Protein backbone atom coordinates (compact mmCIF):
# COMPACT_ATOMS: atom_id res chain seq x y z
CA UNK A 1 247.43 -45.17 46.92
CA UNK A 2 248.19 -48.91 47.23
CA UNK A 3 247.78 -50.99 43.60
CA UNK A 4 246.25 -54.26 44.64
CA UNK A 5 245.93 -57.02 42.46
CA UNK A 6 243.17 -58.62 43.42
CA UNK A 7 241.97 -61.27 40.52
CA UNK A 8 238.36 -61.88 39.96
CA UNK A 9 237.41 -64.69 37.71
CA UNK A 10 235.27 -63.61 34.42
CA UNK A 11 235.03 -66.85 32.10
CA UNK A 12 238.24 -68.76 31.36
CA UNK A 13 239.89 -65.75 32.50
CA UNK A 14 241.14 -63.50 35.39
CA UNK A 15 240.26 -59.95 35.13
CA UNK A 16 242.08 -57.65 38.27
CA UNK A 17 240.75 -54.50 39.68
CA UNK A 18 243.08 -52.73 36.96
CA UNK A 19 241.76 -54.06 33.89
CA UNK A 20 244.27 -56.32 32.57
CA UNK A 21 243.42 -59.97 31.37
CA UNK A 22 245.07 -62.75 31.96
CA UNK A 23 244.81 -66.14 30.69
CA UNK A 24 244.92 -68.40 33.78
CA UNK A 25 244.62 -72.36 33.46
CA UNK A 26 243.79 -72.28 37.20
CA UNK A 27 242.31 -70.66 40.33
CA UNK A 28 244.26 -67.95 41.63
CA UNK A 29 243.20 -67.51 45.75
CA UNK A 30 246.05 -65.46 47.15
CA UNK A 31 247.04 -62.30 46.02
CA UNK A 32 249.81 -59.84 47.65
CA UNK A 33 247.51 -56.93 49.72
CA UNK A 34 247.84 -56.15 52.80
CA UNK A 35 245.02 -53.88 55.35
CA UNK A 36 242.28 -53.24 54.07
CA UNK A 37 242.75 -54.98 50.90
CA UNK A 38 243.08 -58.31 52.66
CA UNK A 39 239.74 -57.97 53.87
CA UNK A 40 237.82 -57.55 51.37
CA UNK A 41 239.77 -60.06 49.38
CA UNK A 42 238.87 -62.86 51.53
CA UNK A 43 235.15 -61.45 51.61
CA UNK A 44 235.34 -61.96 47.76
CA UNK A 45 236.77 -65.53 48.00
CA UNK A 46 234.00 -66.16 50.55
CA UNK A 47 231.80 -64.98 47.95
CA UNK A 48 232.96 -66.86 44.74
CA UNK A 49 233.32 -69.66 46.33
CA UNK A 50 229.64 -69.82 47.60
CA UNK A 51 228.20 -68.76 43.91
CA UNK A 52 230.60 -71.63 42.65
CA UNK A 53 228.80 -74.66 45.90
CA UNK A 54 225.65 -72.79 44.87
CA UNK A 55 226.44 -73.22 40.68
CA UNK A 56 227.21 -76.90 41.29
CA UNK A 57 224.48 -77.24 43.23
CA UNK A 58 222.17 -76.45 40.57
CA UNK A 59 224.11 -78.23 37.95
CA UNK A 60 223.98 -81.63 40.21
CA UNK A 61 220.12 -80.23 40.98
CA UNK A 62 217.76 -80.91 44.42
CA UNK A 63 214.77 -83.02 43.67
CA UNK A 64 211.44 -80.93 43.40
CA UNK A 65 209.60 -81.11 46.63
CA UNK A 66 206.30 -81.72 44.63
CA UNK A 67 207.53 -85.29 43.06
CA UNK A 68 208.41 -86.89 46.80
CA UNK A 69 206.27 -86.82 49.14
CA UNK A 70 207.00 -85.47 52.60
CA UNK A 71 207.36 -87.56 55.19
CA UNK A 72 205.07 -88.51 57.60
CA UNK A 73 204.91 -87.06 60.63
CA UNK A 74 202.89 -89.85 62.56
CA UNK A 75 205.94 -91.90 61.85
CA UNK A 76 208.76 -89.81 63.09
CA UNK A 77 210.10 -89.10 66.63
CA UNK A 78 208.89 -85.45 67.61
CA UNK A 79 210.95 -84.84 70.58
CA UNK A 80 213.98 -85.35 68.31
CA UNK A 81 214.35 -86.59 64.86
CA UNK A 82 217.26 -86.49 62.06
CA UNK A 83 216.22 -86.14 58.53
CA UNK A 84 218.82 -86.44 55.86
CA UNK A 85 217.33 -84.35 52.82
CA UNK A 86 219.45 -86.12 49.81
CA UNK A 87 219.06 -86.14 45.67
CA UNK A 88 218.80 -89.57 44.27
CA UNK A 89 221.60 -88.80 41.80
CA UNK A 90 223.75 -86.87 44.92
CA UNK A 91 227.39 -88.47 44.97
CA UNK A 92 228.10 -87.32 48.25
CA UNK A 93 224.51 -88.40 49.78
CA UNK A 94 225.30 -92.01 48.57
CA UNK A 95 229.46 -91.38 50.38
CA UNK A 96 227.19 -89.72 53.49
CA UNK A 97 225.31 -92.79 53.71
CA UNK A 98 228.17 -95.97 53.56
CA UNK A 99 230.49 -93.95 55.78
CA UNK A 100 227.62 -92.32 58.56
CA UNK A 101 224.68 -93.49 58.58
CA UNK A 102 225.84 -97.26 57.56
CA UNK A 103 227.70 -97.12 60.98
CA UNK A 104 224.70 -95.40 63.13
CA UNK A 105 224.36 -96.04 66.66
CA UNK A 106 222.88 -94.07 68.26
CA UNK A 107 219.82 -92.68 70.59
CA UNK A 108 218.51 -89.82 67.80
CA UNK A 109 216.80 -91.78 65.15
CA UNK A 110 217.80 -90.88 61.58
CA UNK A 111 215.66 -90.97 58.46
CA UNK A 112 216.22 -90.30 54.64
CA UNK A 113 214.10 -88.75 52.33
CA UNK A 114 214.16 -87.26 48.67
CA UNK A 115 211.55 -84.56 49.45
CA UNK A 116 212.63 -81.16 49.94
CA UNK A 117 209.74 -80.81 52.46
CA UNK A 118 209.52 -81.22 55.79
CA UNK A 119 206.63 -83.19 57.34
CA UNK A 120 203.33 -81.54 57.65
CA UNK A 121 203.32 -79.24 60.75
CA UNK A 122 206.98 -79.47 61.14
CA UNK A 123 209.33 -76.36 60.47
CA UNK A 124 212.60 -75.85 58.09
CA UNK A 125 214.44 -72.80 59.39
CA UNK A 126 215.42 -71.87 56.17
CA UNK A 127 214.96 -73.37 52.70
CA UNK A 128 217.18 -76.61 51.61
CA UNK A 129 219.70 -75.44 48.78
CA UNK A 130 222.17 -78.34 48.92
CA UNK A 131 222.16 -82.01 49.27
CA UNK A 132 222.81 -83.49 51.64
CA UNK A 133 221.50 -81.67 54.38
CA UNK A 134 221.13 -82.94 57.67
CA UNK A 135 218.25 -80.91 59.85
CA UNK A 136 218.06 -81.61 63.58
CA UNK A 137 214.45 -81.04 64.51
CA UNK A 138 212.96 -80.76 68.26
CA UNK A 139 209.26 -80.77 68.99
CA UNK A 140 208.41 -80.33 64.72
CA UNK A 141 211.11 -77.16 64.92
CA UNK A 142 214.55 -77.21 62.59
CA UNK A 143 217.08 -76.50 65.25
CA UNK A 144 220.22 -77.32 63.66
CA UNK A 145 221.62 -78.27 60.08
CA UNK A 146 224.72 -79.81 58.45
CA UNK A 147 224.70 -78.67 54.96
CA UNK A 148 226.96 -81.09 52.57
CA UNK A 149 229.27 -83.56 53.22
CA UNK A 150 232.70 -83.90 51.80
CA UNK A 151 234.05 -86.76 53.49
CA UNK A 152 234.87 -85.36 56.62
CA UNK A 153 233.81 -87.17 59.44
CA UNK A 154 234.71 -85.86 61.84
CA UNK A 155 233.20 -82.92 61.06
CA UNK A 156 228.99 -83.80 60.94
CA UNK A 157 230.25 -85.89 64.47
CA UNK A 158 231.31 -82.74 66.42
CA UNK A 159 228.29 -81.04 64.94
CA UNK A 160 226.35 -83.48 65.71
CA UNK A 161 228.13 -83.67 69.53
CA UNK A 162 227.87 -79.72 70.09
CA UNK A 163 223.78 -80.38 68.98
CA UNK A 164 223.19 -83.37 71.52
CA UNK A 165 225.77 -81.48 74.50
CA UNK A 166 223.53 -78.33 74.27
CA UNK A 167 220.14 -79.91 74.25
CA UNK A 168 221.78 -82.55 77.34
CA UNK A 169 222.38 -78.74 78.81
CA UNK A 170 219.09 -77.24 78.39
CA UNK A 171 217.59 -80.66 80.01
CA UNK A 172 219.26 -80.10 83.45
CA UNK A 173 218.68 -76.64 83.47
CA UNK A 174 215.32 -76.65 83.07
């Protein structure tokens, strides 16, 4: 049986599966493993990164939906509406606003909100867990979402382009 040196971060230490504890001053994301070990290690990386993301999101804080009023459905485009769910103290939300929304030109109407709730009678596909979260609604139902923004404008525009292209394809098929 091969010895897998796959580290787990525990507090300020890296602990391997074999019980050794090493003091590390940086994250270690590469491990010399092959075969099934590589698959397990990559899955473990994703879990650790997700846990870090969730922990960071909780530290930043998503506003409580009861403190902010939901959007008025009558003021929105029921056929197709893009809603940006933000937090007041979210640096990435401000970056998204300046880099993307500040230059917005398009057919899809965009609305920003600090509420975590969609307009009444509109449905989210799942709960919001990070900001900014950009949700595309069609006929009051979530059809797609883009969670988080780290300055990668191209990634956002590709996501939006796929959503618009899919909708046009469906319209032409009907």
